[in-house]
Structure formats: structure tokens, C-alpha cells
Amino acid sequence: MIYVLYSPNCAVCKKVVRFFRNNQIEITKIIIGEDKIERSMLIDILSLCEDGFGTIISFKTESSKRLNITSKTFLDLSTKELLNLIQEDLNLIRRPLIYQTKNNKPYRLQIGYDLEEIEIFKRVVHEGR
């Protein structure tokens, strides 16, 4: 299963959604600012991050500014606090965030849109058919 966490007004997010639609790859869309995600999904996403929370948190959003979360201050927060903050406000994460599971386990993560990198989702999905 492929999940795309995105914002509808984000041009890069639209490119990602269009890529999957054009390649007839089924995705589950999660709209940042409207939808919530399960804590278990967030933990699974983090398990794919080399730098933990630093990989997925955007320090440029209104939410991070409002909460005074910077690349330095987030290090003072506990894992539990960061999980709670992100669950309460998905606007804290970078977008688009593409998360893939395989056999119900975390498998692949991509943040942003890079045509060469996103192609891997097309190959893997078509191999499985």
C-alpha cells in the first residue's frame, strides 16, 4: 500500500498525486491539515528515517513557527512529545511524504518529488502484478 501525505494547494504535492494517477498506481491520500494518522503509522514512517524526526519535520511551516520548533529546539523534546505534536498537527511534517508498506510492514519512504526517485514506486508496483 502506498500512502501520500500532501497538501492540496502544494504544486509539488500535485505532481506526486498526478504521477501515481498517470501510472495507474493506487494510493491512499492523507490530506495534511484535514486528516489524522495513527500513531503506529507515524512510528513506522520514523523507522524508515535515517535522522529520525529531523527527516520528516518541516521547520518552515506556520505550525513549527507557532510552536517554536526549530532544528535545534526539537532536540529538547522527548519522542513522546514529538509524536503527540505531529499527531495533533500534521502541518509539522515535510510534504509530500510518500510512504509504502509491503506485507503490512514499513518498506519505503520518499519526501518531495524527484522524478528519478519516484520511478521506483512504479517499478515495484508493476513487479508485484
C-alpha atoms as a PDB file:
ATOM      1  CA  MET A   1       0.000   0.000   0.000  1.00  0.00           C
ATOM      2  CA  ILE A   2       1.243   3.486  -0.833  1.00  0.00           C
ATOM      3  CA  TYR A   3       0.206   6.493   1.233  1.00  0.00           C
ATOM      4  CA  VAL A   4       0.729  10.077   0.119  1.00  0.00           C
ATOM      5  CA  LEU A   5       0.607  12.758   2.804  1.00  0.00           C
ATOM      6  CA  TYR A   6       0.084  16.030   0.979  1.00  0.00           C
ATOM      7  CA  SER A   7      -1.456  19.491   0.859  1.00  0.00           C
ATOM      8  CA  PRO A   8      -3.947  20.128  -1.959  1.00  0.00           C
ATOM      9  CA  ASN A   9      -2.552  23.616  -2.767  1.00  0.00           C
ATOM     10  CA  CYS A  10       1.086  22.486  -2.948  1.00  0.00           C
ATOM     11  CA  ALA A  11       2.393  22.327  -6.548  1.00  0.00           C
ATOM     12  CA  VAL A  12       4.939  19.604  -5.769  1.00  0.00           C
ATOM     13  CA  CYS A  13       2.250  17.565  -3.989  1.00  0.00           C
ATOM     14  CA  LYS A  14       0.034  17.812  -7.064  1.00  0.00           C
ATOM     15  CA  LYS A  15       2.903  16.451  -9.200  1.00  0.00           C
ATOM     16  CA  VAL A  16       3.216  13.428  -6.927  1.00  0.00           C
ATOM     17  CA  VAL A  17      -0.515  12.678  -6.980  1.00  0.00           C
ATOM     18  CA  ARG A  18      -0.548  13.145 -10.785  1.00  0.00           C
ATOM     19  CA  PHE A  19       2.419  10.764 -11.163  1.00  0.00           C
ATOM     20  CA  PHE A  20       0.560   7.978  -9.377  1.00  0.00           C
ATOM     21  CA  ARG A  21      -2.699   8.685 -11.225  1.00  0.00           C
ATOM     22  CA  ASN A  22      -0.967   8.762 -14.639  1.00  0.00           C
ATOM     23  CA  ASN A  23       0.754   5.459 -13.882  1.00  0.00           C
ATOM     24  CA  GLN A  24      -2.453   3.884 -12.562  1.00  0.00           C
ATOM     25  CA  ILE A  25      -0.900   3.199  -9.166  1.00  0.00           C
ATOM     26  CA  GLU A  26      -3.403   3.075  -6.348  1.00  0.00           C
ATOM     27  CA  ILE A  27      -2.625   5.339  -3.403  1.00  0.00           C
ATOM     28  CA  THR A  28      -4.283   6.349  -0.177  1.00  0.00           C
ATOM     29  CA  LYS A  29      -4.239  10.136   0.100  1.00  0.00           C
ATOM     30  CA  ILE A  30      -3.877  11.748   3.507  1.00  0.00           C
ATOM     31  CA  ILE A  31      -4.563  15.470   3.435  1.00  0.00           C
ATOM     32  CA  ILE A  32      -2.338  17.432   5.779  1.00  0.00           C
ATOM     33  CA  GLY A  33      -4.429  19.832   7.821  1.00  0.00           C
ATOM     34  CA  GLU A  34      -7.598  17.751   7.458  1.00  0.00           C
ATOM     35  CA  ASP A  35      -6.807  14.103   8.105  1.00  0.00           C
ATOM     36  CA  LYS A  36      -5.170  12.438  11.085  1.00  0.00           C
ATOM     37  CA  ILE A  37      -2.802   9.486  11.071  1.00  0.00           C
ATOM     38  CA  GLU A  38      -2.488   6.675  13.545  1.00  0.00           C
ATOM     39  CA  ARG A  39       0.433   6.815  15.947  1.00  0.00           C
ATOM     40  CA  SER A  40       1.539   3.387  14.673  1.00  0.00           C
ATOM     41  CA  MET A  41       1.829   4.752  11.111  1.00  0.00           C
ATOM     42  CA  LEU A  42       3.903   7.671  12.333  1.00  0.00           C
ATOM     43  CA  ILE A  43       6.220   5.286  14.197  1.00  0.00           C
ATOM     44  CA  ASP A  44       6.510   3.109  11.068  1.00  0.00           C
ATOM     45  CA  ILE A  45       7.396   6.176   8.987  1.00  0.00           C
ATOM     46  CA  LEU A  46      10.040   7.147  11.533  1.00  0.00           C
ATOM     47  CA  SER A  47      11.516   3.651  11.365  1.00  0.00           C
ATOM     48  CA  LEU A  48      12.473   4.421   7.748  1.00  0.00           C
ATOM     49  CA  CYS A  49      14.173   7.745   8.593  1.00  0.00           C
ATOM     50  CA  GLU A  50      17.950   7.852   8.931  1.00  0.00           C
ATOM     51  CA  ASP A  51      17.791  11.016  11.027  1.00  0.00           C
ATOM     52  CA  GLY A  52      14.570  10.290  12.902  1.00  0.00           C
ATOM     53  CA  PHE A  53      12.261  13.248  13.385  1.00  0.00           C
ATOM     54  CA  GLY A  54      14.736  15.590  11.680  1.00  0.00           C
ATOM     55  CA  THR A  55      13.967  13.842   8.393  1.00  0.00           C
ATOM     56  CA  ILE A  56      10.226  14.486   8.448  1.00  0.00           C
ATOM     57  CA  ILE A  57       9.730  17.720  10.409  1.00  0.00           C
ATOM     58  CA  SER A  58       9.497  20.929   8.410  1.00  0.00           C
ATOM     59  CA  PHE A  59      10.918  23.844  10.330  1.00  0.00           C
ATOM     60  CA  LYS A  60       9.460  26.374   7.861  1.00  0.00           C
ATOM     61  CA  THR A  61       5.739  25.835   8.458  1.00  0.00           C
ATOM     62  CA  GLU A  62       3.438  28.174  10.334  1.00  0.00           C
ATOM     63  CA  SER A  63       2.873  25.367  12.832  1.00  0.00           C
ATOM     64  CA  SER A  64       6.564  24.949  13.616  1.00  0.00           C
ATOM     65  CA  LYS A  65       6.966  28.715  13.976  1.00  0.00           C
ATOM     66  CA  ARG A  66       3.905  28.979  16.214  1.00  0.00           C
ATOM     67  CA  LEU A  67       5.185  26.146  18.414  1.00  0.00           C
ATOM     68  CA  ASN A  68       8.765  27.490  18.264  1.00  0.00           C
ATOM     69  CA  ILE A  69      10.080  24.221  16.863  1.00  0.00           C
ATOM     70  CA  THR A  70      13.413  24.732  15.154  1.00  0.00           C
ATOM     71  CA  SER A  71      16.177  22.395  14.025  1.00  0.00           C
ATOM     72  CA  LYS A  72      17.712  22.918  17.474  1.00  0.00           C
ATOM     73  CA  THR A  73      14.747  23.162  19.847  1.00  0.00           C
ATOM     74  CA  PHE A  74      13.119  19.944  18.654  1.00  0.00           C
ATOM     75  CA  LEU A  75      16.110  18.068  20.073  1.00  0.00           C
ATOM     76  CA  ASP A  76      14.960  19.098  23.567  1.00  0.00           C
ATOM     77  CA  LEU A  77      11.616  17.340  23.135  1.00  0.00           C
ATOM     78  CA  SER A  78      11.032  13.702  24.002  1.00  0.00           C
ATOM     79  CA  THR A  79       9.943  11.154  21.426  1.00  0.00           C
ATOM     80  CA  LYS A  80       6.521  11.033  23.059  1.00  0.00           C
ATOM     81  CA  GLU A  81       6.177  14.837  22.909  1.00  0.00           C
ATOM     82  CA  LEU A  82       7.164  14.943  19.236  1.00  0.00           C
ATOM     83  CA  LEU A  83       4.799  12.102  18.341  1.00  0.00           C
ATOM     84  CA  ASN A  84       1.967  13.914  20.124  1.00  0.00           C
ATOM     85  CA  LEU A  85       2.752  17.230  18.403  1.00  0.00           C
ATOM     86  CA  ILE A  86       2.843  15.681  14.930  1.00  0.00           C
ATOM     87  CA  GLN A  87      -0.319  13.675  15.534  1.00  0.00           C
ATOM     88  CA  GLU A  88      -2.103  16.824  16.657  1.00  0.00           C
ATOM     89  CA  ASP A  89      -0.781  18.926  13.779  1.00  0.00           C
ATOM     90  CA  LEU A  90       0.357  17.148  10.610  1.00  0.00           C
ATOM     91  CA  ASN A  91       1.369  20.564   9.267  1.00  0.00           C
ATOM     92  CA  LEU A  92       4.655  19.952  11.080  1.00  0.00           C
ATOM     93  CA  ILE A  93       5.783  17.385   8.513  1.00  0.00           C
ATOM     94  CA  ARG A  94       7.510  17.924   5.207  1.00  0.00           C
ATOM     95  CA  ARG A  95       5.431  17.315   2.143  1.00  0.00           C
ATOM     96  CA  PRO A  96       4.687  15.482   0.045  1.00  0.00           C
ATOM     97  CA  LEU A  97       5.591  12.434   2.061  1.00  0.00           C
ATOM     98  CA  ILE A  98       5.245   9.106   0.256  1.00  0.00           C
ATOM     99  CA  TYR A  99       5.158   6.063   2.497  1.00  0.00           C
ATOM    100  CA  GLN A 100       4.915   2.497   1.244  1.00  0.00           C
ATOM    101  CA  THR A 101       4.206  -0.699   3.141  1.00  0.00           C
ATOM    102  CA  LYS A 102       4.850  -4.224   1.935  1.00  0.00           C
ATOM    103  CA  ASN A 103       3.238  -7.178   3.698  1.00  0.00           C
ATOM    104  CA  ASN A 104       1.899  -4.670   6.259  1.00  0.00           C
ATOM    105  CA  LYS A 105       5.421  -3.580   7.240  1.00  0.00           C
ATOM    106  CA  PRO A 106       7.253  -0.298   6.585  1.00  0.00           C
ATOM    107  CA  TYR A 107       9.033  -0.579   3.259  1.00  0.00           C
ATOM    108  CA  ARG A 108       9.903   2.722   1.573  1.00  0.00           C
ATOM    109  CA  LEU A 109       9.800   6.449   2.257  1.00  0.00           C
ATOM    110  CA  GLN A 110      10.293   9.411  -0.037  1.00  0.00           C
ATOM    111  CA  ILE A 111       9.878  13.064   0.783  1.00  0.00           C
ATOM    112  CA  GLY A 112       9.387  15.536  -2.026  1.00  0.00           C
ATOM    113  CA  TYR A 113       9.220  14.941  -5.751  1.00  0.00           C
ATOM    114  CA  ASP A 114      12.184  13.710  -7.731  1.00  0.00           C
ATOM    115  CA  LEU A 115      11.219  12.025 -10.996  1.00  0.00           C
ATOM    116  CA  GLU A 116      14.124   9.571 -10.904  1.00  0.00           C
ATOM    117  CA  GLU A 117      13.439   8.572  -7.304  1.00  0.00           C
ATOM    118  CA  ILE A 118       9.668   8.317  -7.609  1.00  0.00           C
ATOM    119  CA  GLU A 119      10.026   5.919 -10.551  1.00  0.00           C
ATOM    120  CA  ILE A 120      10.947   3.189  -8.047  1.00  0.00           C
ATOM    121  CA  PHE A 121       7.321   3.125  -6.890  1.00  0.00           C
ATOM    122  CA  LYS A 122       6.237   2.386 -10.456  1.00  0.00           C
ATOM    123  CA  ARG A 123       8.706  -0.459 -10.913  1.00  0.00           C
ATOM    124  CA  VAL A 124       7.946  -2.114  -7.594  1.00  0.00           C
ATOM    125  CA  VAL A 125       4.176  -1.949  -8.063  1.00  0.00           C
ATOM    126  CA  HIS A 126       4.349  -3.382 -11.586  1.00  0.00           C
ATOM    127  CA  GLU A 127       6.717  -6.171 -10.488  1.00  0.00           C
ATOM    128  CA  GLY A 128       4.141  -7.297  -7.954  1.00  0.00           C
ATOM    129  CA  ARG A 129       1.372  -7.723 -10.538  1.00  0.00           C
END
